[in-house]
């Protein structure tokens, strides 16, 4: 399965001193560090982090990443999108490769 998620703090948390300008990059870095340490295939863009793996392992990483953001706010917002396609692996790149091939074949 593929999961795309975004997690961000709001309010004031115990790590508020790291956020004097309202930016959430320290909190996002804490979440992305968890994802990278998981060993699962992943990709981070400006808005989301994608992870590929089995249901239980992917959701465990999302939970741990969310927990890592908790100190940065009094609450945390989590946005999650999942593509559940049993028996498929390598879809993080495979889906993009198929899209690029379709674009190359277009004859507008």
C-alpha atoms as a PDB file:
ATOM      1  CA  UNK A   1       0.000   0.000   0.000  1.00  0.00           C
ATOM      2  CA  UNK A   2       0.978   3.594  -0.499  1.00  0.00           C
ATOM      3  CA  UNK A   3       0.289   6.247   2.114  1.00  0.00           C
ATOM      4  CA  UNK A   4       0.663   9.973   1.529  1.00  0.00           C
ATOM      5  CA  UNK A   5       0.487  11.945   4.732  1.00  0.00           C
ATOM      6  CA  UNK A   6       1.082  15.372   6.149  1.00  0.00           C
ATOM      7  CA  UNK A   7       1.348  16.088   9.842  1.00  0.00           C
ATOM      8  CA  UNK A   8       1.611  19.535  11.419  1.00  0.00           C
ATOM      9  CA  UNK A   9       1.321  21.032  14.887  1.00  0.00           C
ATOM     10  CA  UNK A  10      -0.835  23.943  15.925  1.00  0.00           C
ATOM     11  CA  UNK A  11      -1.000  25.865  19.166  1.00  0.00           C
ATOM     12  CA  UNK A  12       1.884  26.027  21.606  1.00  0.00           C
ATOM     13  CA  UNK A  13       3.764  22.948  22.710  1.00  0.00           C
ATOM     14  CA  UNK A  14       6.795  22.197  24.856  1.00  0.00           C
ATOM     15  CA  UNK A  15       9.103  22.746  21.854  1.00  0.00           C
ATOM     16  CA  UNK A  16       7.578  26.162  21.041  1.00  0.00           C
ATOM     17  CA  UNK A  17      10.945  27.927  21.426  1.00  0.00           C
ATOM     18  CA  UNK A  18      12.036  26.241  18.174  1.00  0.00           C
ATOM     19  CA  UNK A  19       9.147  27.935  16.339  1.00  0.00           C
ATOM     20  CA  UNK A  20       9.428  31.727  16.901  1.00  0.00           C
ATOM     21  CA  UNK A  21       8.327  32.616  13.336  1.00  0.00           C
ATOM     22  CA  UNK A  22       5.393  30.211  13.067  1.00  0.00           C
ATOM     23  CA  UNK A  23       7.224  27.814  10.746  1.00  0.00           C
ATOM     24  CA  UNK A  24       6.647  24.100  11.249  1.00  0.00           C
ATOM     25  CA  UNK A  25       9.862  22.848   9.673  1.00  0.00           C
ATOM     26  CA  UNK A  26      11.316  21.602  12.982  1.00  0.00           C
ATOM     27  CA  UNK A  27       8.195  19.539  13.615  1.00  0.00           C
ATOM     28  CA  UNK A  28       8.159  18.218  10.060  1.00  0.00           C
ATOM     29  CA  UNK A  29      11.836  17.293  10.397  1.00  0.00           C
ATOM     30  CA  UNK A  30      10.992  15.256  13.497  1.00  0.00           C
ATOM     31  CA  UNK A  31       8.316  13.376  11.545  1.00  0.00           C
ATOM     32  CA  UNK A  32      10.493  12.807   8.481  1.00  0.00           C
ATOM     33  CA  UNK A  33      13.334  11.508  10.677  1.00  0.00           C
ATOM     34  CA  UNK A  34      10.947   8.809  11.922  1.00  0.00           C
ATOM     35  CA  UNK A  35       9.990   7.899   8.350  1.00  0.00           C
ATOM     36  CA  UNK A  36      13.618   7.686   7.242  1.00  0.00           C
ATOM     37  CA  UNK A  37      14.553   5.541  10.234  1.00  0.00           C
ATOM     38  CA  UNK A  38      11.747   3.088   9.362  1.00  0.00           C
ATOM     39  CA  UNK A  39      13.622   1.663   6.399  1.00  0.00           C
ATOM     40  CA  UNK A  40      10.448   1.676   4.283  1.00  0.00           C
ATOM     41  CA  UNK A  41      10.519   3.150   0.775  1.00  0.00           C
ATOM     42  CA  UNK A  42       9.574   6.820   1.113  1.00  0.00           C
ATOM     43  CA  UNK A  43       9.601  10.188  -0.616  1.00  0.00           C
ATOM     44  CA  UNK A  44       9.097  13.632   0.877  1.00  0.00           C
ATOM     45  CA  UNK A  45       7.882  16.596  -1.164  1.00  0.00           C
ATOM     46  CA  UNK A  46       6.981  20.117  -0.144  1.00  0.00           C
ATOM     47  CA  UNK A  47       3.488  19.075   0.972  1.00  0.00           C
ATOM     48  CA  UNK A  48       3.422  15.329   1.746  1.00  0.00           C
ATOM     49  CA  UNK A  49       5.507  12.317   2.648  1.00  0.00           C
ATOM     50  CA  UNK A  50       4.770   9.049   0.868  1.00  0.00           C
ATOM     51  CA  UNK A  51       5.544   5.647   2.387  1.00  0.00           C
ATOM     52  CA  UNK A  52       5.150   2.206   0.811  1.00  0.00           C
ATOM     53  CA  UNK A  53       4.734  -1.037   2.712  1.00  0.00           C
ATOM     54  CA  UNK A  54       2.272  -3.342   4.399  1.00  0.00           C
ATOM     55  CA  UNK A  55      -0.740  -1.951   6.258  1.00  0.00           C
ATOM     56  CA  UNK A  56       0.505  -2.472   9.830  1.00  0.00           C
ATOM     57  CA  UNK A  57       4.052  -1.277   9.227  1.00  0.00           C
ATOM     58  CA  UNK A  58       2.993   1.834   7.309  1.00  0.00           C
ATOM     59  CA  UNK A  59       0.435   2.877   9.901  1.00  0.00           C
ATOM     60  CA  UNK A  60       2.936   2.262  12.707  1.00  0.00           C
ATOM     61  CA  UNK A  61       5.292   4.738  11.023  1.00  0.00           C
ATOM     62  CA  UNK A  62       2.513   7.297  10.563  1.00  0.00           C
ATOM     63  CA  UNK A  63       1.621   6.988  14.256  1.00  0.00           C
ATOM     64  CA  UNK A  64       5.257   7.337  15.342  1.00  0.00           C
ATOM     65  CA  UNK A  65       5.740  10.354  13.041  1.00  0.00           C
ATOM     66  CA  UNK A  66       2.603  11.958  14.472  1.00  0.00           C
ATOM     67  CA  UNK A  67       3.840  11.299  18.012  1.00  0.00           C
ATOM     68  CA  UNK A  68       7.154  12.966  17.097  1.00  0.00           C
ATOM     69  CA  UNK A  69       5.264  16.174  16.202  1.00  0.00           C
ATOM     70  CA  UNK A  70       3.246  16.332  19.456  1.00  0.00           C
ATOM     71  CA  UNK A  71       5.851  18.362  21.422  1.00  0.00           C
ATOM     72  CA  UNK A  72       5.612  21.169  18.839  1.00  0.00           C
ATOM     73  CA  UNK A  73       1.978  22.092  19.476  1.00  0.00           C
ATOM     74  CA  UNK A  74      -0.994  21.682  21.734  1.00  0.00           C
ATOM     75  CA  UNK A  75      -2.645  19.670  18.954  1.00  0.00           C
ATOM     76  CA  UNK A  76      -1.631  17.933  15.749  1.00  0.00           C
ATOM     77  CA  UNK A  77      -3.356  17.791  12.374  1.00  0.00           C
ATOM     78  CA  UNK A  78      -2.931  14.670  10.244  1.00  0.00           C
ATOM     79  CA  UNK A  79      -3.957  14.441   6.577  1.00  0.00           C
ATOM     80  CA  UNK A  80      -3.743  10.966   5.102  1.00  0.00           C
ATOM     81  CA  UNK A  81      -4.456   9.405   1.725  1.00  0.00           C
ATOM     82  CA  UNK A  82      -4.018   5.692   1.020  1.00  0.00           C
ATOM     83  CA  UNK A  83      -3.810   3.600  -2.144  1.00  0.00           C
ATOM     84  CA  UNK A  84      -4.508   0.023  -1.093  1.00  0.00           C
ATOM     85  CA  UNK A  85      -3.675  -2.407  -3.877  1.00  0.00           C
ATOM     86  CA  UNK A  86      -2.899  -5.894  -2.531  1.00  0.00           C
ATOM     87  CA  UNK A  87      -0.101  -7.778  -4.230  1.00  0.00           C
ATOM     88  CA  UNK A  88       1.568  -4.713  -5.714  1.00  0.00           C
ATOM     89  CA  UNK A  89       4.976  -3.375  -4.711  1.00  0.00           C
ATOM     90  CA  UNK A  90       7.196  -0.692  -6.187  1.00  0.00           C
ATOM     91  CA  UNK A  91       4.176   1.474  -6.892  1.00  0.00           C
ATOM     92  CA  UNK A  92       5.733   4.679  -5.568  1.00  0.00           C
ATOM     93  CA  UNK A  93       7.812   4.773  -8.741  1.00  0.00           C
ATOM     94  CA  UNK A  94       5.672   2.467 -10.867  1.00  0.00           C
ATOM     95  CA  UNK A  95       2.654   4.777 -10.875  1.00  0.00           C
ATOM     96  CA  UNK A  96       4.796   7.738 -11.939  1.00  0.00           C
ATOM     97  CA  UNK A  97       6.565   5.675 -14.616  1.00  0.00           C
ATOM     98  CA  UNK A  98       3.215   4.620 -16.110  1.00  0.00           C
ATOM     99  CA  UNK A  99       2.043   8.227 -16.110  1.00  0.00           C
ATOM    100  CA  UNK A 100       5.186   9.381 -17.923  1.00  0.00           C
ATOM    101  CA  UNK A 101       4.737   6.619 -20.517  1.00  0.00           C
ATOM    102  CA  UNK A 102       1.122   7.672 -21.086  1.00  0.00           C
ATOM    103  CA  UNK A 103       2.207  11.280 -21.537  1.00  0.00           C
ATOM    104  CA  UNK A 104       4.849  10.271 -24.088  1.00  0.00           C
ATOM    105  CA  UNK A 105       2.245   8.333 -26.106  1.00  0.00           C
ATOM    106  CA  UNK A 106      -0.210  11.243 -26.241  1.00  0.00           C
ATOM    107  CA  UNK A 107      -0.896  12.710 -29.655  1.00  0.00           C
ATOM    108  CA  UNK A 108      -2.807  15.908 -28.980  1.00  0.00           C
END
